[in-house]
Amino acid sequence: MRGNRTIKLWKWVPSLYYAEGLPYAFVMIVSSVMYKNLGISNSDIALYTSWLYLPWVIKPLWSPLVDILKTKRFWIIIMQLIIGASLAGIALTLPTENAFKYSLAFFWLMAFSSATHDIAADGFYMLGLSSHAQAWWIGIRNSFYRFAIITGQGLLVMLAGVLNDWTGEMAMAWSILFGCLAILFLLLGLYHNSQLPNPKSDQSHVNQNIRLVIKKFLSVFTSFFKKPGIVLIVCFILFYRFGEAQLVKISPLFMLDDFTTGGLGLSNIELGFINGTIGIIMLTLGGITGGLLASKHGLKYWIFWMALAMKLPDIVYVFMAFIQPDNNFLITTFVAVEQFGYGFGFTAYLLFMMMISEGEHKTAHYAICTGFMALGMMIPGMFSGALQEAIGYQSFFIWVMVATIPGLVLIKFLKIDPVYGIKKEME
């Protein structure tokens, strides 16, 4: 029986989390590269694609509706089909005259559908697996989510470059690619309709008293803001990645931009390989290293050094902006160093939010933290493009280094449990 159950889980857990990660990659990573290829300005790319973070900022506000209306299985399948329709919409609008405006509208639809899919998929995972199975499968689900990000950040960017070489037209290349992705999500929706189980606990709750549900939700939501030192906590979550939020939005545009305009002049294929393979590998290794060290000495011991490890490597972009290297090995090495540091430092960020969320409403409070985390990426990203165009790449990356300082300073004032994160012998 256990073997049959394991086989059944293999049929839907990996594919579900691959389907969860892909639209996030489309919205947050692929859109910026695509618009750069289509000749949109850095200021417009940064402003409008940063707005796409909004559904992940506010998703805790409509998560109760996913619990009340219909089943989580229903939401998963419907959202995958809507994501497929959004991808088809982008494919059809890219060759048109108003491609930027119309494709952005479909990206908005995809972003809200993806955030809703996240809520349903994570809830369904907890309903469809026992607590023991959840712990065992978490590494597998995270690996397939990460594989989806690799697909978006690496493979799709490279494929767009290959299709451009074949067609000779970048808009057509991206249109073909998004058309294929639309078919993929249609098939994923149909596949999960047949393969997802029907847990007895996955039920609609439309008969519940809506007023009581809303009252309970507001009580849980407001309890988060009653935590001791909440103003400092929120400020830290918002400012920890203040510099990095601007860097992550502009760095791919910098690497794609022409040498004559201060960029590195990389092709899509080169950018996709650097970010989607070496970058992701080093990011993952940095996260693993951070987790191992935090489990030995605790978050309080490591948080400053992890933050420093995230922020100091940003200086490689200052160096690249000034010397504009044309050696791909050197560029890849710089990106690898920066990504390892980012993964290492991000571990402290996640652990801090987990620590803050401890208590009666742990899941809901962590969701609120992730909302503030998304807001901390959204707002700096919005003005980063206009700032870069106003002062140039060299001054912009110097500014990024300055912008990392608030996150370091705030650490001094945080109250952190000295033993939080340390692995206990009995565990």
Protein backbone atom coordinates (compact mmCIF):
# COMPACT_ATOMS: atom_id res chain seq x y z
CA MET A 1 0.00 0.00 0.00
CA ARG A 2 2.78 2.43 0.91
CA GLY A 3 4.54 1.76 -2.40
CA ASN A 4 1.34 2.44 -4.38
CA ARG A 5 0.74 5.67 -2.46
CA THR A 6 4.30 6.82 -3.16
CA ILE A 7 3.83 6.15 -6.88
CA LYS A 8 0.60 8.18 -6.81
CA LEU A 9 2.37 11.10 -5.11
CA TRP A 10 5.09 11.05 -7.78
CA LYS A 11 2.31 11.53 -10.34
CA TRP A 12 1.24 14.93 -9.01
CA VAL A 13 3.55 16.53 -6.42
CA PRO A 14 6.49 17.28 -8.78
CA SER A 15 4.28 18.46 -11.64
CA LEU A 16 2.14 20.61 -9.32
CA TYR A 17 5.13 22.53 -7.97
CA TYR A 18 6.70 22.80 -11.41
CA ALA A 19 3.40 24.37 -12.52
CA GLU A 20 3.52 26.67 -9.47
CA GLY A 21 7.02 27.96 -10.20
CA LEU A 22 6.68 28.51 -13.97
CA PRO A 23 4.19 31.43 -14.03
CA TYR A 24 6.13 33.19 -11.27
CA ALA A 25 9.24 32.91 -13.47
CA PHE A 26 7.28 34.19 -16.49
CA VAL A 27 6.00 37.24 -14.61
CA MET A 28 9.07 38.14 -12.54
CA ILE A 29 11.99 37.16 -14.79
CA VAL A 30 11.01 36.38 -18.38
CA SER A 31 8.85 39.50 -18.83
CA SER A 32 11.78 41.87 -18.16
CA VAL A 33 14.06 40.10 -20.63
CA MET A 34 11.32 39.93 -23.26
CA TYR A 35 10.49 43.64 -23.02
CA LYS A 36 14.19 44.52 -23.21
CA ASN A 37 14.41 42.44 -26.40
CA LEU A 38 11.42 44.36 -27.78
CA GLY A 39 13.10 47.72 -27.21
CA ILE A 40 11.14 48.94 -24.17
CA SER A 41 13.06 51.44 -21.98
CA ASN A 42 14.59 50.35 -18.67
CA SER A 43 12.40 52.81 -16.75
CA ASP A 44 9.17 51.38 -18.22
CA ILE A 45 10.32 47.77 -17.78
CA ALA A 46 11.26 48.30 -14.12
CA LEU A 47 8.12 50.29 -13.29
CA TYR A 48 5.49 48.10 -14.91
CA THR A 49 7.00 44.68 -14.23
CA SER A 50 7.56 45.65 -10.57
CA TRP A 51 3.83 46.36 -10.30
CA LEU A 52 3.31 42.70 -11.16
CA TYR A 53 4.55 41.85 -7.64
CA LEU A 54 1.28 43.27 -6.23
CA PRO A 55 -0.74 40.00 -6.29
CA TRP A 56 1.92 38.33 -4.12
CA VAL A 57 1.92 41.34 -1.78
CA ILE A 58 -1.83 41.19 -1.15
CA LYS A 59 -2.55 37.48 -1.61
CA PRO A 60 -3.01 36.92 2.16
CA LEU A 61 -6.07 39.20 1.87
CA TRP A 62 -7.99 36.89 -0.47
CA SER A 63 -6.65 33.54 0.74
CA PRO A 64 -9.78 33.02 2.94
CA LEU A 65 -11.92 33.09 -0.23
CA VAL A 66 -9.93 30.18 -1.67
CA ASP A 67 -10.68 28.25 1.53
CA ILE A 68 -14.39 29.09 1.51
CA LEU A 69 -15.36 28.99 -2.17
CA LYS A 70 -15.01 25.64 -3.93
CA THR A 71 -12.22 23.12 -3.27
CA LYS A 72 -8.48 23.73 -3.54
CA ARG A 73 -8.39 21.08 -6.26
CA PHE A 74 -10.90 23.15 -8.24
CA TRP A 75 -8.83 26.34 -7.83
CA ILE A 76 -5.63 24.59 -8.94
CA ILE A 77 -7.10 23.31 -12.20
CA ILE A 78 -9.01 26.50 -13.06
CA MET A 79 -5.98 28.72 -12.35
CA GLN A 80 -3.75 26.54 -14.55
CA LEU A 81 -6.24 26.90 -17.41
CA ILE A 82 -6.45 30.68 -16.89
CA ILE A 83 -2.64 30.89 -16.84
CA GLY A 84 -2.67 28.99 -20.14
CA ALA A 85 -5.19 31.48 -21.55
CA SER A 86 -2.99 34.37 -20.35
CA LEU A 87 0.02 32.88 -22.12
CA ALA A 88 -2.03 32.50 -25.30
CA GLY A 89 -3.10 36.14 -24.98
CA ILE A 90 0.53 37.26 -24.74
CA ALA A 91 1.46 35.12 -27.75
CA LEU A 92 -1.31 36.70 -29.84
CA THR A 93 -0.64 40.32 -28.82
CA LEU A 94 3.17 40.42 -29.18
CA PRO A 95 3.13 40.81 -32.99
CA THR A 96 0.57 43.67 -32.75
CA GLU A 97 1.14 47.42 -32.69
CA ASN A 98 0.27 47.86 -29.00
CA ALA A 99 2.17 44.77 -27.83
CA PHE A 100 3.49 46.33 -24.61
CA LYS A 101 0.10 47.51 -23.36
CA TYR A 102 -1.88 44.38 -24.20
CA SER A 103 0.75 41.82 -23.19
CA LEU A 104 1.14 43.62 -19.85
CA ALA A 105 -2.61 43.22 -19.24
CA PHE A 106 -2.28 39.47 -19.78
CA PHE A 107 0.75 39.38 -17.46
CA TRP A 108 -1.47 41.00 -14.80
CA LEU A 109 -4.07 38.27 -15.28
CA MET A 110 -1.35 35.64 -15.04
CA ALA A 111 0.12 37.22 -11.89
CA PHE A 112 -3.22 37.16 -10.01
CA SER A 113 -3.92 33.62 -11.23
CA SER A 114 -0.44 32.47 -10.20
CA ALA A 115 -0.76 33.98 -6.69
CA THR A 116 -4.16 32.28 -6.28
CA HIS A 117 -2.65 29.01 -7.56
CA ASP A 118 0.08 29.32 -4.89
CA ILE A 119 -2.54 29.55 -2.13
CA ALA A 120 -4.50 26.55 -3.44
CA ALA A 121 -1.46 24.36 -4.22
CA ASP A 122 0.20 24.89 -0.83
CA GLY A 123 -3.08 24.23 0.95
CA PHE A 124 -3.77 21.13 -1.16
CA TYR A 125 -0.26 19.80 -0.39
CA MET A 126 -1.05 19.92 3.33
CA LEU A 127 -4.43 18.25 2.82
CA GLY A 128 -3.25 15.57 0.42
CA LEU A 129 -0.23 14.38 2.45
CA SER A 130 0.24 13.26 6.05
CA SER A 131 2.57 15.37 8.23
CA HIS A 132 5.30 12.75 7.83
CA ALA A 133 4.88 12.67 4.04
CA GLN A 134 4.89 16.48 3.92
CA ALA A 135 8.29 16.56 5.62
CA TRP A 136 9.67 13.82 3.34
CA TRP A 137 8.37 15.39 0.10
CA ILE A 138 9.25 19.03 0.88
CA GLY A 139 12.73 18.69 -0.64
CA ILE A 140 11.27 17.17 -3.81
CA ARG A 141 8.59 19.83 -4.20
CA ASN A 142 11.12 22.62 -3.63
CA SER A 143 13.49 21.04 -6.18
CA PHE A 144 10.80 21.03 -8.87
CA TYR A 145 9.83 24.60 -8.01
CA ARG A 146 13.49 25.55 -8.39
CA PHE A 147 13.63 23.61 -11.67
CA ALA A 148 10.73 25.76 -12.91
CA ILE A 149 12.70 28.91 -12.09
CA ILE A 150 15.70 27.48 -13.96
CA THR A 151 13.41 26.82 -16.92
CA GLY A 152 12.22 30.43 -16.95
CA GLN A 153 15.48 32.16 -16.10
CA GLY A 154 17.66 29.97 -18.29
CA LEU A 155 16.06 27.67 -20.82
CA LEU A 156 13.25 29.97 -22.03
CA VAL A 157 15.56 32.98 -22.42
CA MET A 158 17.97 30.81 -24.41
CA LEU A 159 15.13 29.37 -26.55
CA ALA A 160 13.94 32.89 -27.37
CA GLY A 161 17.47 33.62 -28.62
CA VAL A 162 17.48 30.46 -30.76
CA LEU A 163 14.02 31.21 -32.20
CA ASN A 164 15.14 34.76 -32.98
CA ASP A 165 18.06 33.34 -34.97
CA TRP A 166 15.60 31.17 -36.92
CA THR A 167 12.87 33.75 -37.53
CA GLY A 168 14.95 36.94 -37.64
CA GLU A 169 12.28 38.72 -35.60
CA MET A 170 12.36 38.89 -31.82
CA ALA A 171 8.61 39.58 -31.38
CA MET A 172 7.76 36.51 -33.44
CA ALA A 173 10.28 34.41 -31.49
CA TRP A 174 8.67 35.31 -28.16
CA SER A 175 5.18 34.85 -29.64
CA ILE A 176 5.99 31.29 -30.73
CA LEU A 177 7.52 30.54 -27.33
CA PHE A 178 4.51 31.82 -25.37
CA GLY A 179 2.18 29.93 -27.70
CA CYS A 180 3.99 26.70 -26.82
CA LEU A 181 3.80 27.56 -23.11
CA ALA A 182 0.04 28.13 -23.43
CA ILE A 183 -0.35 24.59 -24.80
CA LEU A 184 1.84 23.29 -21.94
CA PHE A 185 -0.45 24.82 -19.31
CA LEU A 186 -3.56 23.56 -21.03
CA LEU A 187 -2.08 20.06 -20.87
CA LEU A 188 -1.03 20.57 -17.22
CA GLY A 189 -4.59 21.57 -16.32
CA LEU A 190 -6.00 18.48 -18.03
CA TYR A 191 -3.31 16.25 -16.51
CA HIS A 192 -3.91 17.46 -12.95
CA ASN A 193 -7.66 17.11 -13.43
CA SER A 194 -7.07 13.38 -13.87
CA GLN A 195 -4.16 12.87 -11.45
CA LEU A 196 -4.86 15.02 -8.40
CA PRO A 197 -6.50 13.02 -5.59
CA ASN A 198 -9.76 14.03 -3.92
CA PRO A 199 -8.93 14.29 -0.18
CA LYS A 200 -12.01 14.18 2.04
CA SER A 201 -10.73 17.23 3.90
CA ASP A 202 -10.65 19.29 0.66
CA GLN A 203 -14.17 20.64 0.80
CA SER A 204 -16.03 23.82 -0.04
CA HIS A 205 -17.13 25.85 2.99
CA VAL A 206 -19.78 28.06 1.40
CA ASN A 207 -22.20 27.19 4.18
CA GLN A 208 -20.00 28.86 6.75
CA ASN A 209 -21.11 32.17 8.20
CA ILE A 210 -19.20 34.65 6.02
CA ARG A 211 -19.32 37.30 8.74
CA LEU A 212 -17.68 34.96 11.25
CA VAL A 213 -15.02 33.93 8.75
CA ILE A 214 -14.15 37.57 8.00
CA LYS A 215 -14.13 38.40 11.73
CA LYS A 216 -11.74 35.50 12.41
CA PHE A 217 -9.51 36.53 9.50
CA LEU A 218 -9.32 40.13 10.72
CA SER A 219 -8.51 38.88 14.23
CA VAL A 220 -5.61 36.77 12.93
CA PHE A 221 -4.43 39.60 10.65
CA THR A 222 -4.47 42.27 13.38
CA SER A 223 -2.76 39.92 15.87
CA PHE A 224 0.33 40.06 13.65
CA PHE A 225 0.59 43.82 14.18
CA LYS A 226 0.34 43.41 17.95
CA LYS A 227 3.68 41.58 18.14
CA PRO A 228 6.34 43.35 20.24
CA GLY A 229 8.57 45.61 18.13
CA ILE A 230 6.41 45.13 15.03
CA VAL A 231 7.40 48.49 13.46
CA LEU A 232 11.08 47.55 13.52
CA ILE A 233 10.26 44.04 12.27
CA VAL A 234 8.30 45.36 9.27
CA CYS A 235 11.01 47.92 8.49
CA PHE A 236 13.64 45.18 8.51
CA ILE A 237 11.60 42.95 6.18
CA LEU A 238 11.07 45.88 3.81
CA PHE A 239 14.67 47.17 3.83
CA TYR A 240 16.75 44.00 4.13
CA ARG A 241 16.88 43.69 0.33
CA PHE A 242 16.51 47.39 -0.53
CA GLY A 243 19.67 47.43 -2.64
CA GLU A 244 19.24 43.91 -4.01
CA ALA A 245 15.64 44.63 -5.10
CA GLN A 246 16.98 47.32 -7.43
CA LEU A 247 19.93 45.20 -8.55
CA VAL A 248 17.85 42.16 -9.48
CA LYS A 249 15.56 44.28 -11.66
CA ILE A 250 18.36 46.05 -13.57
CA SER A 251 21.16 43.46 -13.74
CA PRO A 252 19.69 41.40 -16.66
CA LEU A 253 18.94 44.63 -18.55
CA PHE A 254 22.54 45.76 -17.95
CA MET A 255 23.91 42.49 -19.30
CA LEU A 256 21.68 42.67 -22.39
CA ASP A 257 22.27 46.36 -23.13
CA ASP A 258 24.66 47.36 -25.91
CA PHE A 259 28.29 47.96 -25.08
CA THR A 260 27.96 51.52 -26.42
CA THR A 261 25.21 52.34 -23.89
CA GLY A 262 27.18 51.02 -20.91
CA GLY A 263 25.97 47.40 -20.95
CA LEU A 264 27.76 44.12 -21.53
CA GLY A 265 26.14 43.28 -24.88
CA LEU A 266 25.27 39.67 -24.06
CA SER A 267 22.88 37.65 -26.19
CA ASN A 268 19.79 35.92 -24.80
CA ILE A 269 21.58 32.58 -25.08
CA GLU A 270 24.56 33.85 -23.07
CA LEU A 271 22.37 35.52 -20.43
CA GLY A 272 20.14 32.46 -20.11
CA PHE A 273 23.12 30.17 -19.61
CA ILE A 274 24.81 32.41 -17.02
CA ASN A 275 21.70 33.13 -14.93
CA GLY A 276 19.80 29.90 -15.52
CA THR A 277 22.59 27.42 -14.84
CA ILE A 278 25.63 28.74 -12.98
CA GLY A 279 23.65 31.48 -11.22
CA ILE A 280 20.92 29.13 -9.96
CA ILE A 281 23.46 26.47 -8.89
CA MET A 282 25.44 28.98 -6.83
CA LEU A 283 22.27 30.51 -5.39
CA THR A 284 21.16 27.04 -4.24
CA LEU A 285 24.59 26.19 -2.81
CA GLY A 286 24.61 29.48 -0.92
CA GLY A 287 21.22 28.68 0.59
CA ILE A 288 22.27 25.18 1.60
CA THR A 289 25.47 26.48 3.19
CA GLY A 290 23.53 29.13 5.08
CA GLY A 291 21.08 26.55 6.40
CA LEU A 292 23.84 24.23 7.61
CA LEU A 293 25.70 27.00 9.43
CA ALA A 294 22.54 28.45 10.98
CA SER A 295 21.63 25.00 12.32
CA LYS A 296 24.97 24.85 14.14
CA HIS A 297 25.24 28.30 15.69
CA GLY A 298 21.76 29.82 15.32
CA LEU A 299 20.29 32.81 13.50
CA LYS A 300 21.50 35.43 15.99
CA TYR A 301 25.15 34.38 15.53
CA TRP A 302 25.01 34.39 11.72
CA ILE A 303 22.48 37.05 10.67
CA PHE A 304 24.97 39.94 10.35
CA TRP A 305 27.54 37.85 8.48
CA MET A 306 24.87 36.44 6.20
CA ALA A 307 23.61 39.94 5.44
CA LEU A 308 27.16 41.09 4.73
CA ALA A 309 27.68 38.09 2.44
CA MET A 310 24.56 39.10 0.49
CA LYS A 311 25.49 42.75 0.13
CA LEU A 312 29.27 42.96 -0.37
CA PRO A 313 29.34 40.85 -3.58
CA ASP A 314 27.04 43.43 -5.23
CA ILE A 315 30.26 45.35 -5.85
CA VAL A 316 31.01 43.02 -8.78
CA TYR A 317 28.41 44.98 -10.77
CA VAL A 318 30.20 48.24 -9.99
CA PHE A 319 33.37 46.66 -11.34
CA MET A 320 31.64 45.32 -14.47
CA ALA A 321 29.94 48.66 -15.15
CA PHE A 322 33.34 50.41 -15.16
CA ILE A 323 35.40 47.88 -17.12
CA GLN A 324 32.60 46.32 -19.25
CA PRO A 325 34.31 42.92 -19.58
CA ASP A 326 33.78 40.98 -22.79
CA ASN A 327 35.08 37.73 -21.30
CA ASN A 328 32.11 35.44 -20.59
CA PHE A 329 34.09 33.36 -18.11
CA LEU A 330 34.86 36.46 -16.05
CA ILE A 331 31.23 37.65 -16.18
CA THR A 332 29.99 34.19 -15.17
CA THR A 333 32.47 34.11 -12.25
CA PHE A 334 31.25 37.50 -10.99
CA VAL A 335 27.59 36.44 -11.24
CA ALA A 336 28.41 33.14 -9.46
CA VAL A 337 30.02 35.01 -6.53
CA GLU A 338 27.10 37.44 -6.25
CA GLN A 339 24.48 34.67 -6.45
CA PHE A 340 26.21 32.50 -3.83
CA GLY A 341 26.26 35.46 -1.45
CA TYR A 342 22.61 36.21 -2.21
CA GLY A 343 21.57 32.62 -1.44
CA PHE A 344 23.65 32.61 1.75
CA GLY A 345 22.17 35.91 2.96
CA PHE A 346 18.61 35.02 1.98
CA THR A 347 18.71 32.12 4.48
CA ALA A 348 18.87 34.60 7.36
CA TYR A 349 15.94 36.53 5.91
CA LEU A 350 13.73 33.43 5.73
CA LEU A 351 14.73 32.24 9.20
CA PHE A 352 13.95 35.65 10.68
CA MET A 353 10.46 35.62 9.17
CA MET A 354 9.90 32.07 10.45
CA MET A 355 10.98 33.15 13.93
CA ILE A 356 8.64 36.16 13.88
CA SER A 357 5.76 33.93 12.74
CA GLU A 358 6.07 31.48 15.64
CA GLY A 359 2.90 31.21 17.67
CA GLU A 360 -0.78 30.41 17.39
CA HIS A 361 -1.27 31.65 13.80
CA LYS A 362 2.10 30.65 12.38
CA THR A 363 0.96 29.94 8.81
CA ALA A 364 -1.10 33.12 8.44
CA HIS A 365 1.58 35.31 10.01
CA TYR A 366 4.26 33.87 7.74
CA ALA A 367 2.02 34.64 4.74
CA ILE A 368 1.81 38.26 5.93
CA CYS A 369 5.62 38.35 6.23
CA THR A 370 5.97 37.11 2.65
CA GLY A 371 3.56 39.84 1.57
CA PHE A 372 5.84 42.47 3.09
CA MET A 373 8.80 40.66 1.51
CA ALA A 374 7.18 41.04 -1.93
CA LEU A 375 6.41 44.71 -1.18
CA GLY A 376 10.09 45.19 -0.32
CA MET A 377 10.94 43.98 -3.84
CA MET A 378 8.11 45.80 -5.60
CA ILE A 379 8.63 49.41 -4.47
CA PRO A 380 12.42 49.70 -5.02
CA GLY A 381 12.07 47.89 -8.34
CA MET A 382 9.52 50.42 -9.57
CA PHE A 383 11.87 53.40 -9.49
CA SER A 384 15.11 51.52 -10.26
CA GLY A 385 14.77 51.80 -14.04
CA ALA A 386 14.15 55.55 -14.07
CA LEU A 387 17.03 56.06 -11.63
CA GLN A 388 19.41 53.98 -13.76
CA GLU A 389 18.50 55.89 -16.92
CA ALA A 390 18.99 59.20 -15.10
CA ILE A 391 22.45 58.48 -13.64
CA GLY A 392 23.86 55.65 -15.82
CA TYR A 393 24.92 52.12 -14.94
CA GLN A 394 28.14 53.07 -13.13
CA SER A 395 26.53 55.50 -10.67
CA PHE A 396 23.47 53.25 -10.33
CA PHE A 397 25.47 50.26 -9.10
CA ILE A 398 27.37 52.52 -6.68
CA TRP A 399 23.96 53.64 -5.39
CA VAL A 400 22.95 49.99 -4.97
CA MET A 401 25.94 49.52 -2.62
CA VAL A 402 24.77 52.53 -0.57
CA ALA A 403 21.21 51.18 -0.54
CA THR A 404 22.37 47.96 1.15
CA ILE A 405 23.39 49.88 4.31
CA PRO A 406 19.92 50.30 5.96
CA GLY A 407 19.41 46.53 6.03
CA LEU A 408 22.73 46.09 7.84
CA VAL A 409 22.09 48.88 10.34
CA LEU A 410 18.64 47.57 11.32
CA ILE A 411 20.11 44.20 12.37
CA LYS A 412 21.70 45.86 15.42
CA PHE A 413 18.27 46.69 16.86
CA LEU A 414 16.55 43.33 16.27
CA LYS A 415 15.68 41.05 19.18
CA ILE A 416 16.58 37.50 18.15
CA ASP A 417 16.36 34.35 20.25
CA PRO A 418 20.01 33.20 20.70
CA VAL A 419 19.08 29.54 20.22
CA TYR A 420 16.62 29.96 17.33
CA GLY A 421 17.67 27.83 14.37
CA ILE A 422 20.11 25.64 16.29
CA LYS A 423 19.45 21.94 15.67
CA LYS A 424 18.72 20.13 18.91
CA GLU A 425 20.26 16.75 19.56
CA MET A 426 16.88 15.11 20.13
CA GLU A 427 15.43 16.31 16.80
